[in-house]
Amino acid sequence: MSVWNPDNIKDVAESVGIASLSNDVVENLSRDVEYRLSQVLEEALKFMRHSKRTTLSTQDISQALRVLDVEPLYGYESTRPLRFGEASIGPGQPLFYVEDEEVDFEKLINAPLPKVPREISFTAHWLAVEGVQPSIPQNPTSADSRNQELVPKGPGANSSLAAINGNDNVAVKPLVKHILSKELQLYFEKICSAILDEANDEYRVAAFASLRSDPGLHQLVPYFVQFVAEKVTHNLKNIFILTQMMQLTSAMLDNESLYVDPYIASIVPPVLTSLVGRRLGDPSSSLAHFPLRDLAASLIGLITKKYGRTSHTLKPRLARTCLKHFLDPNKPLGTHYGAIMGLQAIGGPDVVRALIIPNLKVYESVIKDEIVDDGPRRAEAEMVLGAIFAALRTLEDERGEMMNGQSGNGGEEMKAKLVEKVGELMGTKVFEMGRPRLAHAVLEDQVWLRGS
């Protein structure tokens, strides 16, 4: 027995031209209609529950019909509540119906058709990886950022408003900006002002200590790198600012919480400028720039040690740059000093043995006259000579203890070999130092050939 009224089946059959139906057919159709209705209601209730609602809506019925591959109903997609009217067909028999809104057909026909809305879609892409923006079409380029100021403001700049106004032919590319919080902006300003405050040492030390230990500075790394590059570029005559920029770079490299690998290519140029720059500081103070070059050399050594494995070309490029400045006789002695210290810091004894020692005899012609003459550049020449001997001492430390008795035998022969290998000035000074291990370290390749 079907719950669905069989008379409804007969009424529908008569409306489509079927005059007579057997009772068995009517009964079977009633059961099928009841099954189909229950199936639609079950699917609609699923949509209602997944939407966290307790009231069934027409949207749920439409979604259920779509899932069951049935053409959905039309005319009930409005989210506004339906207005019901009441009509009486007899005593005690009210009839409720949905009030239809009166529509002016002339206005409806002449009205322009609405634009078809676009399908909603979602795509995922990386805005930034470890603070570095990938170069993909979805992300803005530097040219886009500069041209953003030329984009027209107003309703035409918004793609949604432009579509409503019919001006949707303009392609608008969304920009993703790196926005710093007010706290980070204030921190950046305070750190920069503290570093450049020459009168307050305590303030400056506290700023560097914060940079070395604070774990939440990832977003500020590119800003600090740019700050260092700008200050070094525009303050080559100010030793204090250059020194503070190297200290700032050292603090960032010492902070284990910061991922600095993507910025090494931008960090190295200011450090190299402070290492082998042609004119650094006040020309009246000839020795003031040497501590700055020592600090820059230590930074170059730190960079090659920490990041040389991830970038296989970093160490050769730095060594090639320092060697080029070392062998250029037109460069000032300060540049030669920085190049020697840089080569020593980059590769230690191996680089000293391979790049510095073979060129000492040629370099002697550059420094010999300055050492002998009592001129204004003698102090700088002595600093360069000290850097060379500091590099040679790394070979002595690496070699270790030599056999006893070698230092006293063949003194003149040892001196002749030193002069032949590194020149008269260097060879004589190494011999006169009375350090046999140092002499044997300089002549290591010749000692090895003798023992073979």
Protein backbone atom coordinates (compact mmCIF):
# COMPACT_ATOMS: atom_id res chain seq x y z
CA MET A 1 0.00 0.00 0.00
CA SER A 2 1.57 3.32 -1.05
CA VAL A 3 1.38 6.42 1.07
CA TRP A 4 1.25 8.54 -2.07
CA ASN A 5 -2.34 9.25 -3.16
CA PRO A 6 -3.12 7.28 -6.39
CA ASP A 7 -5.55 9.99 -7.47
CA ASN A 8 -2.60 12.31 -8.06
CA ILE A 9 -1.16 9.78 -10.48
CA LYS A 10 -4.44 9.63 -12.40
CA ASP A 11 -4.63 13.46 -12.53
CA VAL A 12 -1.12 13.73 -13.96
CA ALA A 13 -1.87 10.97 -16.48
CA GLU A 14 -5.01 12.74 -17.68
CA SER A 15 -3.04 16.03 -18.01
CA VAL A 16 -0.67 14.39 -20.51
CA GLY A 17 -3.44 12.67 -22.51
CA ILE A 18 -3.64 9.23 -20.87
CA ALA A 19 -7.33 8.70 -20.24
CA SER A 20 -7.35 5.36 -18.45
CA LEU A 21 -4.80 3.56 -16.30
CA SER A 22 -5.24 0.20 -14.67
CA ASN A 23 -5.22 0.11 -10.90
CA ASP A 24 -2.04 -2.03 -10.88
CA VAL A 25 -0.16 0.52 -12.94
CA VAL A 26 -1.37 3.37 -10.74
CA GLU A 27 -0.31 1.47 -7.61
CA ASN A 28 3.18 0.74 -8.97
CA LEU A 29 3.68 4.32 -10.09
CA SER A 30 2.62 5.58 -6.66
CA ARG A 31 5.23 3.40 -4.99
CA ASP A 32 7.93 4.55 -7.42
CA VAL A 33 7.08 8.21 -6.84
CA GLU A 34 7.24 7.67 -3.09
CA TYR A 35 10.68 6.01 -3.43
CA ARG A 36 12.01 8.81 -5.63
CA LEU A 37 10.81 11.50 -3.24
CA SER A 38 12.37 9.80 -0.24
CA GLN A 39 15.66 9.47 -2.16
CA VAL A 40 15.69 13.19 -2.95
CA LEU A 41 14.89 14.09 0.66
CA GLU A 42 17.67 11.89 2.00
CA GLU A 43 20.23 13.52 -0.26
CA ALA A 44 18.92 16.99 0.62
CA LEU A 45 19.19 16.20 4.34
CA LYS A 46 22.83 15.24 3.81
CA PHE A 47 23.55 18.70 2.33
CA MET A 48 21.71 20.32 5.22
CA ARG A 49 23.75 18.43 7.86
CA HIS A 50 27.08 19.12 6.14
CA SER A 51 26.16 22.80 6.05
CA LYS A 52 25.69 22.73 9.84
CA ARG A 53 22.04 23.76 9.52
CA THR A 54 18.82 22.44 11.00
CA THR A 55 16.42 23.88 8.40
CA LEU A 56 16.03 22.34 4.98
CA SER A 57 16.24 24.88 2.16
CA THR A 58 15.40 24.90 -1.52
CA GLN A 59 19.12 24.99 -2.24
CA ASP A 60 19.50 21.59 -0.56
CA ILE A 61 16.76 20.15 -2.79
CA SER A 62 18.43 21.56 -5.90
CA GLN A 63 21.81 20.10 -4.91
CA ALA A 64 20.20 16.73 -4.23
CA LEU A 65 18.53 16.72 -7.67
CA ARG A 66 21.87 17.60 -9.27
CA VAL A 67 23.61 14.72 -7.46
CA LEU A 68 20.88 12.31 -8.62
CA ASP A 69 21.34 13.59 -12.19
CA VAL A 70 17.85 15.08 -12.29
CA GLU A 71 17.10 18.46 -13.80
CA PRO A 72 16.86 20.89 -10.88
CA LEU A 73 13.83 23.04 -10.13
CA TYR A 74 13.92 26.67 -11.24
CA GLY A 75 12.44 29.72 -9.55
CA TYR A 76 13.30 28.96 -5.92
CA GLU A 77 16.97 30.01 -5.76
CA SER A 78 16.24 33.28 -3.94
CA THR A 79 17.58 33.60 -0.42
CA ARG A 80 14.77 35.96 0.51
CA PRO A 81 11.87 34.43 2.50
CA LEU A 82 8.80 33.53 0.46
CA ARG A 83 5.67 35.60 0.95
CA PHE A 84 2.49 33.57 1.17
CA GLY A 85 -0.97 34.85 0.45
CA GLU A 86 -4.26 33.39 1.72
CA ALA A 87 -7.43 32.81 -0.24
CA SER A 88 -10.66 31.23 0.89
CA ILE A 89 -12.39 28.67 -1.32
CA GLY A 90 -15.13 27.97 1.15
CA PRO A 91 -16.06 28.02 4.78
CA GLY A 92 -13.12 26.64 6.81
CA GLN A 93 -11.03 25.87 3.68
CA PRO A 94 -8.21 28.48 3.40
CA LEU A 95 -5.81 28.21 0.46
CA PHE A 96 -2.25 29.49 0.80
CA TYR A 97 -0.22 30.47 -2.24
CA VAL A 98 3.07 32.21 -3.04
CA GLU A 99 2.57 35.79 -4.08
CA ASP A 100 4.19 36.53 -7.41
CA GLU A 101 5.85 39.87 -8.01
CA GLU A 102 4.40 41.85 -10.85
CA VAL A 103 6.91 42.38 -13.65
CA ASP A 104 6.77 44.99 -16.39
CA PHE A 105 7.52 42.96 -19.55
CA GLU A 106 8.56 46.04 -21.51
CA LYS A 107 11.28 46.92 -19.00
CA LEU A 108 12.30 43.30 -18.73
CA ILE A 109 12.70 42.90 -22.49
CA ASN A 110 14.60 46.14 -22.98
CA ALA A 111 16.93 45.61 -20.02
CA PRO A 112 20.49 44.48 -20.96
CA LEU A 113 21.40 40.93 -20.15
CA PRO A 114 23.62 40.53 -17.06
CA LYS A 115 27.15 39.31 -17.57
CA VAL A 116 27.77 35.66 -17.00
CA PRO A 117 29.71 35.26 -13.76
CA ARG A 118 33.04 33.48 -13.90
CA GLU A 119 33.49 30.08 -12.42
CA ILE A 120 35.09 30.16 -9.00
CA SER A 121 38.50 28.49 -8.99
CA PHE A 122 41.47 28.30 -6.68
CA THR A 123 45.17 28.01 -7.49
CA ALA A 124 48.07 27.63 -5.06
CA HIS A 125 51.54 29.13 -5.48
CA TRP A 126 54.44 30.21 -3.26
CA LEU A 127 54.44 33.86 -2.27
CA ALA A 128 57.87 33.51 -0.69
CA VAL A 129 60.25 30.70 0.24
CA GLU A 130 62.44 31.51 3.25
CA GLY A 131 61.87 35.21 2.61
CA VAL A 132 62.73 34.99 -1.11
CA GLN A 133 59.98 35.65 -3.67
CA PRO A 134 60.04 33.05 -6.47
CA SER A 135 60.12 34.36 -10.01
CA ILE A 136 56.78 33.00 -11.25
CA PRO A 137 53.99 34.71 -13.22
CA GLN A 138 51.72 34.95 -10.15
CA ASN A 139 54.24 37.05 -8.20
CA PRO A 140 55.04 40.68 -9.05
CA THR A 141 58.38 41.68 -10.49
CA SER A 142 60.42 44.74 -9.55
CA ALA A 143 59.14 46.50 -12.68
CA ASP A 144 55.55 45.83 -11.61
CA SER A 145 56.25 47.34 -8.22
CA ARG A 146 57.69 50.50 -9.77
CA ASN A 147 54.76 50.82 -12.18
CA GLN A 148 52.18 50.37 -9.42
CA GLU A 149 52.22 54.11 -8.78
CA LEU A 150 50.98 54.69 -12.34
CA VAL A 151 47.92 52.45 -11.95
CA PRO A 152 44.73 54.57 -12.04
CA LYS A 153 42.89 54.94 -8.78
CA GLY A 154 39.12 54.81 -8.38
CA PRO A 155 36.39 52.45 -9.56
CA GLY A 156 38.33 51.49 -12.67
CA ALA A 157 41.21 50.12 -10.58
CA ASN A 158 38.99 47.48 -8.99
CA SER A 159 38.28 44.56 -11.33
CA SER A 160 34.93 43.79 -9.68
CA LEU A 161 33.69 47.37 -9.90
CA ALA A 162 34.97 47.61 -13.45
CA ALA A 163 32.98 44.50 -14.40
CA ILE A 164 29.83 46.02 -12.93
CA ASN A 165 30.40 49.20 -14.93
CA GLY A 166 31.11 47.25 -18.08
CA ASN A 167 34.83 48.14 -18.13
CA ASP A 168 36.22 44.67 -17.58
CA ASN A 169 38.65 44.68 -20.51
CA VAL A 170 41.52 45.97 -18.36
CA ALA A 171 43.79 43.19 -17.08
CA VAL A 172 44.63 43.85 -13.44
CA LYS A 173 47.47 41.81 -11.96
CA PRO A 174 47.28 41.45 -8.17
CA LEU A 175 50.38 42.56 -6.29
CA VAL A 176 51.73 40.90 -3.17
CA LYS A 177 53.61 43.39 -1.03
CA HIS A 178 56.02 42.62 1.78
CA ILE A 179 54.33 44.42 4.65
CA LEU A 180 56.20 44.82 7.93
CA SER A 181 54.40 45.14 11.20
CA LYS A 182 54.72 48.39 13.11
CA GLU A 183 56.82 46.61 15.74
CA LEU A 184 59.37 45.42 13.17
CA GLN A 185 59.47 48.85 11.53
CA LEU A 186 60.16 50.48 14.89
CA TYR A 187 62.79 47.84 15.69
CA PHE A 188 64.54 48.44 12.35
CA GLU A 189 64.63 52.20 12.90
CA LYS A 190 65.92 51.85 16.46
CA ILE A 191 68.66 49.40 15.44
CA CYS A 192 69.82 51.61 12.57
CA SER A 193 69.92 54.73 14.72
CA ALA A 194 71.75 52.90 17.51
CA ILE A 195 74.39 51.50 15.16
CA LEU A 196 75.15 54.93 13.71
CA ASP A 197 75.24 56.65 17.13
CA GLU A 198 78.94 57.29 17.59
CA ALA A 199 78.51 58.85 21.02
CA ASN A 200 76.68 55.99 22.75
CA ASP A 201 78.78 52.82 22.89
CA GLU A 202 76.39 51.02 25.25
CA TYR A 203 73.45 51.61 22.92
CA ARG A 204 75.46 50.27 20.00
CA VAL A 205 76.61 47.13 21.83
CA ALA A 206 73.03 46.36 22.87
CA ALA A 207 71.86 46.67 19.26
CA PHE A 208 74.49 44.21 18.01
CA ALA A 209 73.70 41.80 20.85
CA SER A 210 70.03 41.86 19.88
CA LEU A 211 70.86 41.17 16.23
CA ARG A 212 73.03 38.20 17.18
CA SER A 213 70.41 36.50 19.35
CA ASP A 214 66.90 37.61 18.34
CA PRO A 215 65.11 34.73 16.50
CA GLY A 216 62.27 36.81 14.99
CA LEU A 217 64.13 38.95 12.45
CA HIS A 218 63.56 36.93 9.26
CA GLN A 219 61.52 39.65 7.56
CA LEU A 220 64.14 42.30 8.31
CA VAL A 221 67.10 40.47 6.72
CA PRO A 222 66.65 41.98 3.21
CA TYR A 223 66.19 45.44 4.74
CA PHE A 224 69.41 45.15 6.75
CA VAL A 225 71.29 43.86 3.69
CA GLN A 226 70.08 46.83 1.64
CA PHE A 227 70.92 49.21 4.51
CA VAL A 228 74.50 47.91 4.63
CA ALA A 229 74.92 48.20 0.85
CA GLU A 230 73.65 51.81 0.80
CA LYS A 231 75.79 52.97 3.73
CA VAL A 232 78.96 51.36 2.37
CA THR A 233 78.37 52.84 -1.09
CA HIS A 234 77.82 56.41 0.12
CA ASN A 235 80.26 56.56 3.07
CA LEU A 236 83.59 55.29 1.79
CA LYS A 237 85.33 58.19 3.54
CA ASN A 238 83.82 57.44 6.95
CA ILE A 239 85.68 54.65 8.73
CA PHE A 240 83.22 54.60 11.62
CA ILE A 241 80.18 53.92 9.43
CA LEU A 242 82.05 51.31 7.39
CA THR A 243 83.14 49.54 10.57
CA GLN A 244 79.61 49.55 11.96
CA MET A 245 78.27 48.09 8.71
CA MET A 246 80.78 45.24 8.95
CA GLN A 247 79.75 44.69 12.57
CA LEU A 248 76.11 44.61 11.47
CA THR A 249 76.94 42.01 8.80
CA SER A 250 78.85 39.95 11.36
CA ALA A 251 75.89 40.05 13.76
CA MET A 252 73.51 38.78 11.06
CA LEU A 253 75.89 35.96 10.11
CA ASP A 254 76.28 34.97 13.77
CA ASN A 255 72.52 34.72 14.33
CA GLU A 256 71.76 31.00 13.95
CA SER A 257 68.02 31.67 13.65
CA LEU A 258 68.37 33.66 10.42
CA TYR A 259 68.46 32.00 7.00
CA VAL A 260 70.96 34.20 5.19
CA ASP A 261 71.90 31.85 2.30
CA PRO A 262 69.76 33.61 -0.36
CA TYR A 263 71.35 36.98 0.51
CA ILE A 264 75.04 35.98 0.36
CA ALA A 265 75.36 37.36 -3.18
CA SER A 266 74.19 40.76 -1.85
CA ILE A 267 76.25 40.62 1.35
CA VAL A 268 79.61 39.90 -0.30
CA PRO A 269 80.02 43.14 -2.39
CA PRO A 270 79.97 45.57 0.61
CA VAL A 271 82.40 43.31 2.48
CA LEU A 272 84.75 43.14 -0.51
CA THR A 273 84.55 46.92 -0.85
CA SER A 274 85.68 47.30 2.76
CA LEU A 275 88.42 44.71 2.16
CA VAL A 276 90.05 45.85 -1.10
CA GLY A 277 88.59 49.33 -1.57
CA ARG A 278 90.99 51.76 -3.20
CA ARG A 279 90.37 54.73 -0.91
CA LEU A 280 88.81 54.14 2.50
CA GLY A 281 88.57 56.73 5.24
CA ASP A 282 90.26 60.09 5.61
CA PRO A 283 93.39 60.40 3.39
CA SER A 284 95.18 62.27 6.20
CA SER A 285 95.10 59.14 8.40
CA SER A 286 97.03 56.55 6.42
CA LEU A 287 96.66 53.63 8.87
CA ALA A 288 93.07 54.08 10.07
CA HIS A 289 91.59 51.76 7.46
CA PHE A 290 93.71 48.70 8.26
CA PRO A 291 91.56 47.49 11.23
CA LEU A 292 88.52 47.80 8.94
CA ARG A 293 90.23 45.60 6.34
CA ASP A 294 91.09 43.06 9.05
CA LEU A 295 87.43 42.92 10.08
CA ALA A 296 86.30 42.54 6.47
CA ALA A 297 88.84 39.74 5.95
CA SER A 298 87.46 37.85 8.95
CA LEU A 299 83.95 38.22 7.49
CA ILE A 300 85.14 36.86 4.14
CA GLY A 301 86.63 33.87 5.94
CA LEU A 302 83.40 33.33 7.87
CA ILE A 303 81.30 33.51 4.71
CA THR A 304 83.45 31.01 2.82
CA LYS A 305 83.47 28.65 5.79
CA LYS A 306 79.70 28.70 6.38
CA TYR A 307 78.38 29.02 2.84
CA GLY A 308 81.16 27.63 0.64
CA ARG A 309 79.58 24.17 0.57
CA THR A 310 76.19 25.37 -0.64
CA SER A 311 77.74 27.60 -3.32
CA HIS A 312 80.63 25.80 -5.01
CA THR A 313 81.69 28.88 -6.99
CA LEU A 314 81.78 31.25 -4.00
CA LYS A 315 85.27 30.42 -2.76
CA PRO A 316 86.97 30.43 -6.22
CA ARG A 317 85.34 33.75 -7.16
CA LEU A 318 86.43 35.42 -3.92
CA ALA A 319 89.98 34.06 -4.25
CA ARG A 320 90.14 35.21 -7.88
CA THR A 321 89.02 38.72 -6.90
CA CYS A 322 91.57 39.04 -4.09
CA LEU A 323 94.39 37.65 -6.27
CA LYS A 324 93.55 40.14 -9.02
CA HIS A 325 93.86 43.08 -6.60
CA PHE A 326 97.03 41.64 -5.07
CA LEU A 327 98.83 41.37 -8.44
CA ASP A 328 97.74 44.80 -9.70
CA PRO A 329 100.72 47.19 -9.18
CA ASN A 330 98.50 50.20 -9.81
CA LYS A 331 96.44 49.52 -6.69
CA PRO A 332 97.38 51.25 -3.41
CA LEU A 333 99.14 49.34 -0.65
CA GLY A 334 95.97 49.26 1.43
CA THR A 335 94.27 47.27 -1.32
CA HIS A 336 97.22 44.87 -1.44
CA TYR A 337 96.98 44.44 2.34
CA GLY A 338 93.28 43.62 2.16
CA ALA A 339 93.82 41.19 -0.73
CA ILE A 340 96.53 39.30 1.19
CA MET A 341 94.42 39.10 4.34
CA GLY A 342 91.44 38.02 2.26
CA LEU A 343 93.38 35.22 0.53
CA GLN A 344 94.60 33.95 3.88
CA ALA A 345 91.08 34.00 5.32
CA ILE A 346 89.52 32.30 2.30
CA GLY A 347 91.68 29.19 2.10
CA GLY A 348 94.25 29.23 4.86
CA PRO A 349 97.65 27.57 4.24
CA ASP A 350 96.55 25.96 0.96
CA VAL A 351 95.74 29.30 -0.68
CA VAL A 352 98.88 30.91 0.79
CA ARG A 353 101.04 28.14 -0.68
CA ALA A 354 99.27 28.12 -4.07
CA LEU A 355 98.58 31.83 -4.69
CA ILE A 356 100.68 34.06 -2.44
CA ILE A 357 104.14 32.42 -2.28
CA PRO A 358 104.55 31.96 -6.07
CA ASN A 359 103.86 35.70 -6.60
CA LEU A 360 106.02 37.14 -3.80
CA LYS A 361 109.12 37.47 -5.96
CA VAL A 362 107.17 39.49 -8.54
CA TYR A 363 105.45 41.55 -5.84
CA GLU A 364 108.80 42.51 -4.29
CA SER A 365 109.27 45.16 -6.98
CA VAL A 366 106.11 46.91 -5.78
CA ILE A 367 106.94 47.09 -2.09
CA LYS A 368 110.75 47.16 -1.99
CA ASP A 369 111.21 50.84 -2.72
CA GLU A 370 108.55 51.84 -0.20
CA ILE A 371 110.22 49.82 2.56
CA VAL A 372 113.69 51.15 1.88
CA ASP A 373 112.73 54.83 1.50
CA ASP A 374 111.63 56.80 4.52
CA GLY A 375 108.57 58.16 2.74
CA PRO A 376 104.94 58.72 3.70
CA ARG A 377 103.96 55.26 2.44
CA ARG A 378 106.51 53.33 4.48
CA ALA A 379 104.08 52.67 7.30
CA GLU A 380 101.59 51.18 4.86
CA ALA A 381 104.33 49.08 3.25
CA GLU A 382 105.30 47.72 6.66
CA MET A 383 101.67 46.78 7.28
CA VAL A 384 101.60 44.89 3.97
CA LEU A 385 104.85 43.16 4.83
CA GLY A 386 103.40 42.17 8.18
CA ALA A 387 100.34 40.73 6.43
CA ILE A 388 102.61 38.64 4.19
CA PHE A 389 104.53 37.23 7.14
CA ALA A 390 101.26 36.56 8.99
CA ALA A 391 100.15 34.52 5.98
CA LEU A 392 103.47 32.66 5.90
CA ARG A 393 103.21 31.83 9.61
CA THR A 394 100.06 29.83 8.85
CA LEU A 395 102.32 27.46 6.89
CA GLU A 396 104.63 27.19 9.91
CA ASP A 397 101.74 26.33 12.21
CA GLU A 398 100.48 23.73 9.77
CA ARG A 399 103.84 22.09 9.24
CA GLY A 400 104.44 21.35 12.92
CA GLU A 401 107.72 20.44 14.57
CA MET A 402 110.76 19.97 12.33
CA MET A 403 113.66 17.66 12.99
CA ASN A 404 116.42 19.05 15.25
CA GLY A 405 119.64 20.06 13.57
CA GLN A 406 118.23 21.28 10.30
CA SER A 407 118.28 24.91 11.34
CA GLY A 408 122.03 25.18 11.77
CA ASN A 409 123.20 23.33 8.67
CA GLY A 410 123.61 25.09 5.36
CA GLY A 411 122.58 28.58 6.47
CA GLU A 412 123.83 30.35 3.38
CA GLU A 413 122.33 27.66 1.19
CA MET A 414 118.97 28.07 2.90
CA LYS A 415 119.12 31.85 2.45
CA ALA A 416 119.96 31.49 -1.24
CA LYS A 417 116.98 29.21 -1.76
CA LEU A 418 114.67 31.61 0.05
CA VAL A 419 115.89 34.55 -2.02
CA GLU A 420 115.42 32.56 -5.19
CA LYS A 421 111.89 31.53 -4.26
CA VAL A 422 110.35 34.66 -2.68
CA GLY A 423 112.78 37.43 -3.63
CA GLU A 424 115.65 39.16 -1.87
CA LEU A 425 113.54 41.26 0.52
CA MET A 426 111.21 38.49 1.68
CA GLY A 427 113.83 35.75 1.63
CA THR A 428 116.32 37.77 3.68
CA LYS A 429 113.73 38.74 6.29
CA VAL A 430 112.49 35.14 6.63
CA PHE A 431 116.07 33.93 7.07
CA GLU A 432 116.94 36.67 9.58
CA MET A 433 113.93 35.80 11.72
CA GLY A 434 115.78 32.65 12.79
CA ARG A 435 112.73 30.43 12.52
CA PRO A 436 113.72 27.25 10.67
CA ARG A 437 110.23 25.85 10.62
CA LEU A 438 109.01 28.95 8.79
CA ALA A 439 111.87 28.74 6.29
CA HIS A 440 111.27 25.06 5.61
CA ALA A 441 107.53 25.72 5.25
CA VAL A 442 108.21 28.33 2.56
CA LEU A 443 110.55 25.90 0.78
CA GLU A 444 108.32 22.90 1.38
CA ASP A 445 108.09 21.85 -2.27
CA GLN A 446 111.90 21.93 -2.61
CA VAL A 447 112.40 19.99 0.63
CA TRP A 448 109.94 17.39 -0.61
CA LEU A 449 111.83 17.03 -3.91
CA ARG A 450 115.10 16.52 -2.02
CA GLY A 451 113.60 13.83 0.21
CA SER A 452 112.04 12.02 -2.75
